[in-house]
Amino acid sequence: MIGYLFDLNRRVGNGGNLLVNSFTKLHIDDEQWYSFLIHDMHLAINSKQDGKTLKDFVIKDLNAEASSSPQNVSASLLELLNGHGGKTCPELRR
């Protein structure tokens, strides 16, 4: 178990917390993992990496994959982010 003093929201590498890096660096394709990080671990949903939020990366991924395969976690992750206040950088600036 991770100790209660360990900060999962801290910046990792070039930025972003564990939530963002799970998608961008680790390429985790498990919707339950992201749901766990958001619901149970309460990670900051709008953490930035290289000036982009997780929602920015997910939208970019969805646009790159014109075909919507059932294995694609991006569509369900985008729905999860929208339900919990996930925003793109331009949305945050408004």
C-alpha atoms as a PDB file:
ATOM      1  CA  MET A   1       0.000   0.000   0.000  1.00  0.00           C
ATOM      2  CA  ILE A   2       1.047   3.562  -0.636  1.00  0.00           C
ATOM      3  CA  GLY A   3       1.525   5.595   2.522  1.00  0.00           C
ATOM      4  CA  TYR A   4      -0.960   8.372   3.227  1.00  0.00           C
ATOM      5  CA  LEU A   5       1.797  10.997   3.012  1.00  0.00           C
ATOM      6  CA  PHE A   6       2.753  10.079  -0.574  1.00  0.00           C
ATOM      7  CA  ASP A   7       1.519  12.776  -2.968  1.00  0.00           C
ATOM      8  CA  LEU A   8       0.171  11.179  -6.159  1.00  0.00           C
ATOM      9  CA  ASN A   9      -0.580  14.651  -7.553  1.00  0.00           C
ATOM     10  CA  ARG A  10       3.062  15.711  -7.647  1.00  0.00           C
ATOM     11  CA  ARG A  11       4.628  16.437 -11.007  1.00  0.00           C
ATOM     12  CA  VAL A  12       6.259  13.454 -12.674  1.00  0.00           C
ATOM     13  CA  GLY A  13       9.005  13.902 -15.263  1.00  0.00           C
ATOM     14  CA  ASN A  14       8.150  16.798 -17.592  1.00  0.00           C
ATOM     15  CA  GLY A  15       4.953  17.542 -15.711  1.00  0.00           C
ATOM     16  CA  GLY A  16       1.536  16.108 -15.110  1.00  0.00           C
ATOM     17  CA  ASN A  17       0.500  13.871 -12.277  1.00  0.00           C
ATOM     18  CA  LEU A  18       0.093  10.083 -12.306  1.00  0.00           C
ATOM     19  CA  LEU A  19      -3.274  10.423 -14.069  1.00  0.00           C
ATOM     20  CA  VAL A  20      -1.837  12.302 -17.074  1.00  0.00           C
ATOM     21  CA  ASN A  21       1.336  10.221 -17.240  1.00  0.00           C
ATOM     22  CA  SER A  22      -0.634   6.975 -17.158  1.00  0.00           C
ATOM     23  CA  PHE A  23      -2.131   7.987 -20.497  1.00  0.00           C
ATOM     24  CA  THR A  24       0.756   9.822 -22.161  1.00  0.00           C
ATOM     25  CA  LYS A  25       3.848   7.939 -21.004  1.00  0.00           C
ATOM     26  CA  LEU A  26       2.645   4.546 -19.777  1.00  0.00           C
ATOM     27  CA  HIS A  27      -0.154   4.135 -22.378  1.00  0.00           C
ATOM     28  CA  ILE A  28      -2.434   2.334 -19.926  1.00  0.00           C
ATOM     29  CA  ASP A  29      -5.579   1.155 -21.723  1.00  0.00           C
ATOM     30  CA  ASP A  30      -7.654   0.265 -18.672  1.00  0.00           C
ATOM     31  CA  GLU A  31     -10.667   2.468 -17.982  1.00  0.00           C
ATOM     32  CA  GLN A  32     -10.903   1.086 -14.440  1.00  0.00           C
ATOM     33  CA  TRP A  33      -7.391   2.403 -13.690  1.00  0.00           C
ATOM     34  CA  TYR A  34      -8.403   5.967 -14.569  1.00  0.00           C
ATOM     35  CA  SER A  35     -11.667   5.615 -12.686  1.00  0.00           C
ATOM     36  CA  PHE A  36      -9.716   4.411  -9.621  1.00  0.00           C
ATOM     37  CA  LEU A  37      -7.310   7.364  -9.828  1.00  0.00           C
ATOM     38  CA  ILE A  38     -10.165   9.864 -10.155  1.00  0.00           C
ATOM     39  CA  HIS A  39     -12.753   8.396  -7.771  1.00  0.00           C
ATOM     40  CA  ASP A  40     -10.679   6.664  -5.111  1.00  0.00           C
ATOM     41  CA  MET A  41      -7.341   8.487  -5.164  1.00  0.00           C
ATOM     42  CA  HIS A  42      -8.856  11.935  -5.947  1.00  0.00           C
ATOM     43  CA  LEU A  43      -6.128  12.961  -8.375  1.00  0.00           C
ATOM     44  CA  ALA A  44      -6.299  16.418  -9.923  1.00  0.00           C
ATOM     45  CA  ILE A  45      -8.122  15.912 -13.193  1.00  0.00           C
ATOM     46  CA  ASN A  46      -6.778  19.045 -14.901  1.00  0.00           C
ATOM     47  CA  SER A  47      -3.070  18.586 -14.154  1.00  0.00           C
ATOM     48  CA  LYS A  48      -0.912  19.811 -17.057  1.00  0.00           C
ATOM     49  CA  GLN A  49       1.948  18.195 -18.911  1.00  0.00           C
ATOM     50  CA  ASP A  50       3.732  20.262 -21.558  1.00  0.00           C
ATOM     51  CA  GLY A  51       0.917  22.827 -21.382  1.00  0.00           C
ATOM     52  CA  LYS A  52      -1.843  20.277 -22.058  1.00  0.00           C
ATOM     53  CA  THR A  53      -4.356  18.561 -19.811  1.00  0.00           C
ATOM     54  CA  LEU A  54      -5.370  14.912 -19.982  1.00  0.00           C
ATOM     55  CA  LYS A  55      -8.506  15.916 -21.898  1.00  0.00           C
ATOM     56  CA  ASP A  56      -6.311  17.609 -24.533  1.00  0.00           C
ATOM     57  CA  PHE A  57      -4.324  14.385 -24.975  1.00  0.00           C
ATOM     58  CA  VAL A  58      -7.457  12.209 -25.099  1.00  0.00           C
ATOM     59  CA  ILE A  59      -9.107  14.399 -27.740  1.00  0.00           C
ATOM     60  CA  LYS A  60      -5.912  14.352 -29.799  1.00  0.00           C
ATOM     61  CA  ASP A  61      -5.822  10.562 -29.529  1.00  0.00           C
ATOM     62  CA  LEU A  62      -9.458  10.266 -30.597  1.00  0.00           C
ATOM     63  CA  ASN A  63      -8.872  12.521 -33.608  1.00  0.00           C
ATOM     64  CA  ALA A  64      -5.778  10.525 -34.617  1.00  0.00           C
ATOM     65  CA  GLU A  65      -7.754   7.286 -34.537  1.00  0.00           C
ATOM     66  CA  ALA A  66     -10.628   7.974 -36.899  1.00  0.00           C
ATOM     67  CA  SER A  67     -11.893   4.441 -36.376  1.00  0.00           C
ATOM     68  CA  SER A  68     -13.630   3.895 -33.068  1.00  0.00           C
ATOM     69  CA  SER A  69     -12.559   0.433 -32.015  1.00  0.00           C
ATOM     70  CA  PRO A  70     -14.269  -1.152 -29.000  1.00  0.00           C
ATOM     71  CA  GLN A  71     -10.848  -1.605 -27.355  1.00  0.00           C
ATOM     72  CA  ASN A  72     -10.120   2.126 -27.460  1.00  0.00           C
ATOM     73  CA  VAL A  73     -10.111   3.542 -23.927  1.00  0.00           C
ATOM     74  CA  SER A  74     -10.066   7.144 -25.175  1.00  0.00           C
ATOM     75  CA  ALA A  75     -13.812   7.428 -25.827  1.00  0.00           C
ATOM     76  CA  SER A  76     -14.798   6.114 -22.398  1.00  0.00           C
ATOM     77  CA  LEU A  77     -12.037   8.140 -20.730  1.00  0.00           C
ATOM     78  CA  LEU A  78     -13.311  11.319 -22.394  1.00  0.00           C
ATOM     79  CA  GLU A  79     -16.782  10.568 -21.028  1.00  0.00           C
ATOM     80  CA  LEU A  80     -15.302  10.012 -17.556  1.00  0.00           C
ATOM     81  CA  LEU A  81     -13.370  13.296 -17.748  1.00  0.00           C
ATOM     82  CA  ASN A  82     -16.435  15.234 -18.909  1.00  0.00           C
ATOM     83  CA  GLY A  83     -18.413  13.835 -15.983  1.00  0.00           C
ATOM     84  CA  HIS A  84     -15.818  15.019 -13.468  1.00  0.00           C
ATOM     85  CA  GLY A  85     -14.978  18.502 -14.704  1.00  0.00           C
ATOM     86  CA  GLY A  86     -12.133  17.636 -17.046  1.00  0.00           C
ATOM     87  CA  LYS A  87     -11.182  20.584 -19.241  1.00  0.00           C
ATOM     88  CA  THR A  88      -8.831  21.342 -22.116  1.00  0.00           C
ATOM     89  CA  CYS A  89      -6.302  24.164 -21.696  1.00  0.00           C
ATOM     90  CA  PRO A  90      -8.401  26.574 -23.819  1.00  0.00           C
ATOM     91  CA  GLU A  91     -11.441  25.744 -21.636  1.00  0.00           C
ATOM     92  CA  LEU A  92      -9.392  26.467 -18.495  1.00  0.00           C
ATOM     93  CA  ARG A  93      -8.379  29.879 -19.853  1.00  0.00           C
ATOM     94  CA  ARG A  94     -11.991  30.996 -20.311  1.00  0.00           C
END
